[in-house]
């Protein structure tokens, strides 16, 4: 990365040049006599070097911030920039992320659909449970009514026998009524 930046800024062999400069400094120091002019030039050179280093640091920091902004604006994709070489693993990862996000979305929609169906089924279960309870109550009421009707029928038969015990026609009618009553009680028993 550093080599690429050096090429980008036009400084190819920075390390070699700096090491040459450092090697030459001791030789120059030995050759030159310390004059106030040389000391002043060295101080100015050191100050200039420090100033350039600060500028380089600020430029590097600014470049990094701009790169981060570019990544943020392009949604993390640097493929639009001219110096970017796409990483195949990154592309595969992006494709898998899209697949997973699609699958997650599908699962969310199915989950919502199943929750709605579950709520509908709960309502239906409650409806049938209430209907079953009402039918059981109605059945119990019908049994009570049937018992009371049977008792009334027996009382009515006794009363009729007491009034006309010798009338044979009346007895036939009574026997017909008894068979009808047995048929009715048989069908009511089937309903229970």
Protein backbone atom coordinates (compact mmCIF):
# COMPACT_ATOMS: atom_id res chain seq x y z
CA UNK A 1 0.00 0.00 0.00
CA UNK A 2 2.85 2.38 0.90
CA UNK A 3 4.58 1.63 -2.39
CA UNK A 4 1.38 2.37 -4.28
CA UNK A 5 1.01 5.69 -2.45
CA UNK A 6 4.62 6.57 -3.19
CA UNK A 7 4.07 5.87 -6.88
CA UNK A 8 0.88 7.89 -6.75
CA UNK A 9 2.70 10.89 -5.30
CA UNK A 10 5.71 10.45 -7.59
CA UNK A 11 8.14 9.34 -4.92
CA UNK A 12 9.38 5.98 -6.07
CA UNK A 13 12.37 5.07 -3.94
CA UNK A 14 11.75 7.10 -0.82
CA UNK A 15 13.55 4.78 1.56
CA UNK A 16 16.65 4.57 -0.63
CA UNK A 17 16.83 8.34 -1.17
CA UNK A 18 16.40 9.05 2.53
CA UNK A 19 19.08 6.51 3.46
CA UNK A 20 21.44 8.11 0.90
CA UNK A 21 20.78 11.53 2.38
CA UNK A 22 21.45 10.21 5.88
CA UNK A 23 24.69 8.57 4.71
CA UNK A 24 25.84 11.79 3.06
CA UNK A 25 25.13 13.97 6.11
CA UNK A 26 27.95 12.57 8.26
CA UNK A 27 30.41 12.86 5.36
CA UNK A 28 29.42 16.47 4.74
CA UNK A 29 29.69 17.21 8.42
CA UNK A 30 33.24 15.91 8.44
CA UNK A 31 34.24 17.88 5.35
CA UNK A 32 32.59 21.15 6.24
CA UNK A 33 33.65 23.40 8.97
CA UNK A 34 31.00 24.69 11.24
CA UNK A 35 30.31 28.19 10.18
CA UNK A 36 27.34 30.25 11.28
CA UNK A 37 26.03 30.20 7.72
CA UNK A 38 26.13 26.37 7.54
CA UNK A 39 24.43 26.06 10.93
CA UNK A 40 21.74 28.48 9.78
CA UNK A 41 21.20 26.49 6.55
CA UNK A 42 20.98 23.25 8.53
CA UNK A 43 18.43 24.76 10.88
CA UNK A 44 16.40 26.07 7.96
CA UNK A 45 16.64 22.66 6.27
CA UNK A 46 15.48 20.92 9.47
CA UNK A 47 12.61 23.36 9.84
CA UNK A 48 11.66 22.88 6.19
CA UNK A 49 11.84 19.12 6.64
CA UNK A 50 9.61 19.27 9.72
CA UNK A 51 7.16 21.53 7.89
CA UNK A 52 7.04 19.12 4.93
CA UNK A 53 6.56 16.16 7.27
CA UNK A 54 3.64 17.96 8.94
CA UNK A 55 2.15 18.74 5.52
CA UNK A 56 2.56 15.11 4.48
CA UNK A 57 0.84 13.93 7.67
CA UNK A 58 -2.03 16.38 7.16
CA UNK A 59 -2.37 15.40 3.50
CA UNK A 60 -2.36 11.70 4.44
CA UNK A 61 -4.97 12.31 7.14
CA UNK A 62 -7.12 14.30 4.71
CA UNK A 63 -6.79 11.57 2.08
CA UNK A 64 -7.87 8.93 4.59
CA UNK A 65 -10.89 11.00 5.62
CA UNK A 66 -11.86 11.54 1.99
CA UNK A 67 -11.48 7.81 1.31
CA UNK A 68 -13.77 7.06 4.26
CA UNK A 69 -16.31 9.59 2.96
CA UNK A 70 -16.11 8.05 -0.50
CA UNK A 71 -16.70 4.61 0.97
CA UNK A 72 -19.66 5.95 2.91
CA UNK A 73 -21.17 7.77 -0.08
CA UNK A 74 -20.71 4.88 -2.52
CA UNK A 75 -22.13 2.44 0.00
CA UNK A 76 -18.82 0.72 0.71
CA UNK A 77 -18.07 0.10 -2.93
CA UNK A 78 -14.88 1.55 -4.38
CA UNK A 79 -15.39 -0.14 -7.72
CA UNK A 80 -16.19 3.21 -9.34
CA UNK A 81 -12.77 4.63 -8.60
CA UNK A 82 -10.03 4.31 -11.20
CA UNK A 83 -7.35 2.76 -9.00
CA UNK A 84 -9.53 0.13 -7.39
CA UNK A 85 -8.97 -3.51 -8.24
CA UNK A 86 -11.99 -5.60 -7.23
CA UNK A 87 -11.37 -8.36 -4.75
CA UNK A 88 -13.05 -11.60 -5.91
CA UNK A 89 -13.67 -12.69 -2.32
CA UNK A 90 -15.38 -9.39 -1.61
CA UNK A 91 -17.60 -9.81 -4.67
CA UNK A 92 -18.51 -13.37 -3.63
CA UNK A 93 -19.24 -12.13 -0.14
CA UNK A 94 -21.48 -9.35 -1.48
CA UNK A 95 -23.40 -11.88 -3.61
CA UNK A 96 -23.85 -14.17 -0.61
CA UNK A 97 -24.99 -11.20 1.47
CA UNK A 98 -27.64 -10.39 -1.15
CA UNK A 99 -28.79 -14.02 -1.16
CA UNK A 100 -28.98 -14.12 2.62
CA UNK A 101 -30.82 -10.79 2.79
CA UNK A 102 -33.28 -12.04 0.16
CA UNK A 103 -33.78 -15.27 2.10
CA UNK A 104 -34.24 -13.31 5.32
CA UNK A 105 -36.84 -11.08 3.66
CA UNK A 106 -38.70 -14.14 2.32
CA UNK A 107 -38.64 -15.73 5.78
CA UNK A 108 -39.98 -12.53 7.32
CA UNK A 109 -42.88 -12.40 4.86
CA UNK A 110 -43.65 -16.10 5.39
CA UNK A 111 -43.50 -15.58 9.14
CA UNK A 112 -46.03 -12.75 8.88
CA UNK A 113 -48.30 -14.89 6.66
CA UNK A 114 -48.11 -17.82 9.10
CA UNK A 115 -48.88 -15.57 12.05
CA UNK A 116 -51.97 -14.28 10.26
CA UNK A 117 -53.08 -17.84 9.43
CA UNK A 118 -52.43 -18.87 13.02
CA UNK A 119 -54.61 -16.02 14.31
CA UNK A 120 -57.39 -17.01 11.88
CA UNK A 121 -57.16 -20.63 13.03
CA UNK A 122 -57.30 -19.56 16.67
CA UNK A 123 -60.47 -17.61 15.94
CA UNK A 124 -61.95 -20.59 14.13
CA UNK A 125 -61.05 -22.92 17.01
CA UNK A 126 -62.70 -20.54 19.48
CA UNK A 127 -65.80 -20.37 17.29
CA UNK A 128 -66.13 -24.16 17.10
CA UNK A 129 -65.42 -24.51 20.82
CA UNK A 130 -68.21 -22.04 21.61
CA UNK A 131 -70.53 -23.77 19.13
CA UNK A 132 -69.80 -27.15 20.72
CA UNK A 133 -70.52 -25.72 24.19
CA UNK A 134 -73.85 -24.28 22.98
CA UNK A 135 -74.80 -27.59 21.37
CA UNK A 136 -74.02 -29.46 24.59
CA UNK A 137 -76.16 -27.00 26.55
CA UNK A 138 -79.00 -27.35 24.03
CA UNK A 139 -78.73 -31.13 24.23
CA UNK A 140 -78.94 -31.03 28.03
CA UNK A 141 -82.01 -28.77 27.82
CA UNK A 142 -83.65 -31.10 25.29
CA UNK A 143 -83.04 -34.10 27.57
CA UNK A 144 -84.67 -32.26 30.47
CA UNK A 145 -87.64 -31.34 28.29
CA UNK A 146 -87.91 -34.94 27.08
CA UNK A 147 -87.92 -36.24 30.65
CA UNK A 148 -90.64 -33.77 31.62
CA UNK A 149 -92.68 -34.64 28.51
CA UNK A 150 -92.43 -38.37 29.34
CA UNK A 151 -93.62 -37.72 32.86
CA UNK A 152 -96.52 -35.62 31.58
CA UNK A 153 -97.40 -38.35 29.08
CA UNK A 154 -97.50 -41.01 31.77
CA UNK A 155 -99.70 -38.84 33.94
CA UNK A 156 -101.98 -38.17 31.01
CA UNK A 157 -102.27 -41.92 30.29
CA UNK A 158 -103.14 -42.72 33.90
CA UNK A 159 -105.74 -40.01 33.86
CA UNK A 160 -107.29 -41.38 30.67
CA UNK A 161 -107.38 -44.92 32.06
CA UNK A 162 -109.04 -43.72 35.18
CA UNK A 163 -111.78 -41.93 33.21
CA UNK A 164 -112.65 -44.69 30.73
CA UNK A 165 -111.11 -47.98 31.67
CA UNK A 166 -113.75 -50.02 29.79
CA UNK A 167 -113.77 -48.19 26.50
CA UNK A 168 -111.81 -50.32 24.05
CA UNK A 169 -111.56 -47.60 21.39
CA UNK A 170 -110.02 -45.37 23.88
CA UNK A 171 -107.53 -48.06 24.79
CA UNK A 172 -106.52 -48.46 21.15
CA UNK A 173 -106.00 -44.75 20.83
CA UNK A 174 -103.93 -44.81 23.97
CA UNK A 175 -101.80 -47.67 22.70
CA UNK A 176 -101.31 -45.80 19.40
CA UNK A 177 -100.24 -42.74 21.34
CA UNK A 178 -97.84 -44.87 23.38
CA UNK A 179 -96.19 -46.25 20.25
CA UNK A 180 -95.89 -42.75 18.85
CA UNK A 181 -94.38 -41.62 22.13
CA UNK A 182 -91.88 -44.49 22.02
CA UNK A 183 -90.93 -43.54 18.47
CA UNK A 184 -90.45 -39.91 19.52
CA UNK A 185 -88.42 -40.88 22.58
CA UNK A 186 -86.33 -43.27 20.42
CA UNK A 187 -85.45 -40.53 17.94
CA UNK A 188 -84.70 -38.12 20.78
CA UNK A 189 -82.48 -40.77 22.35
CA UNK A 190 -80.64 -41.12 19.04
CA UNK A 191 -80.01 -37.39 19.02
CA UNK A 192 -78.39 -37.61 22.46
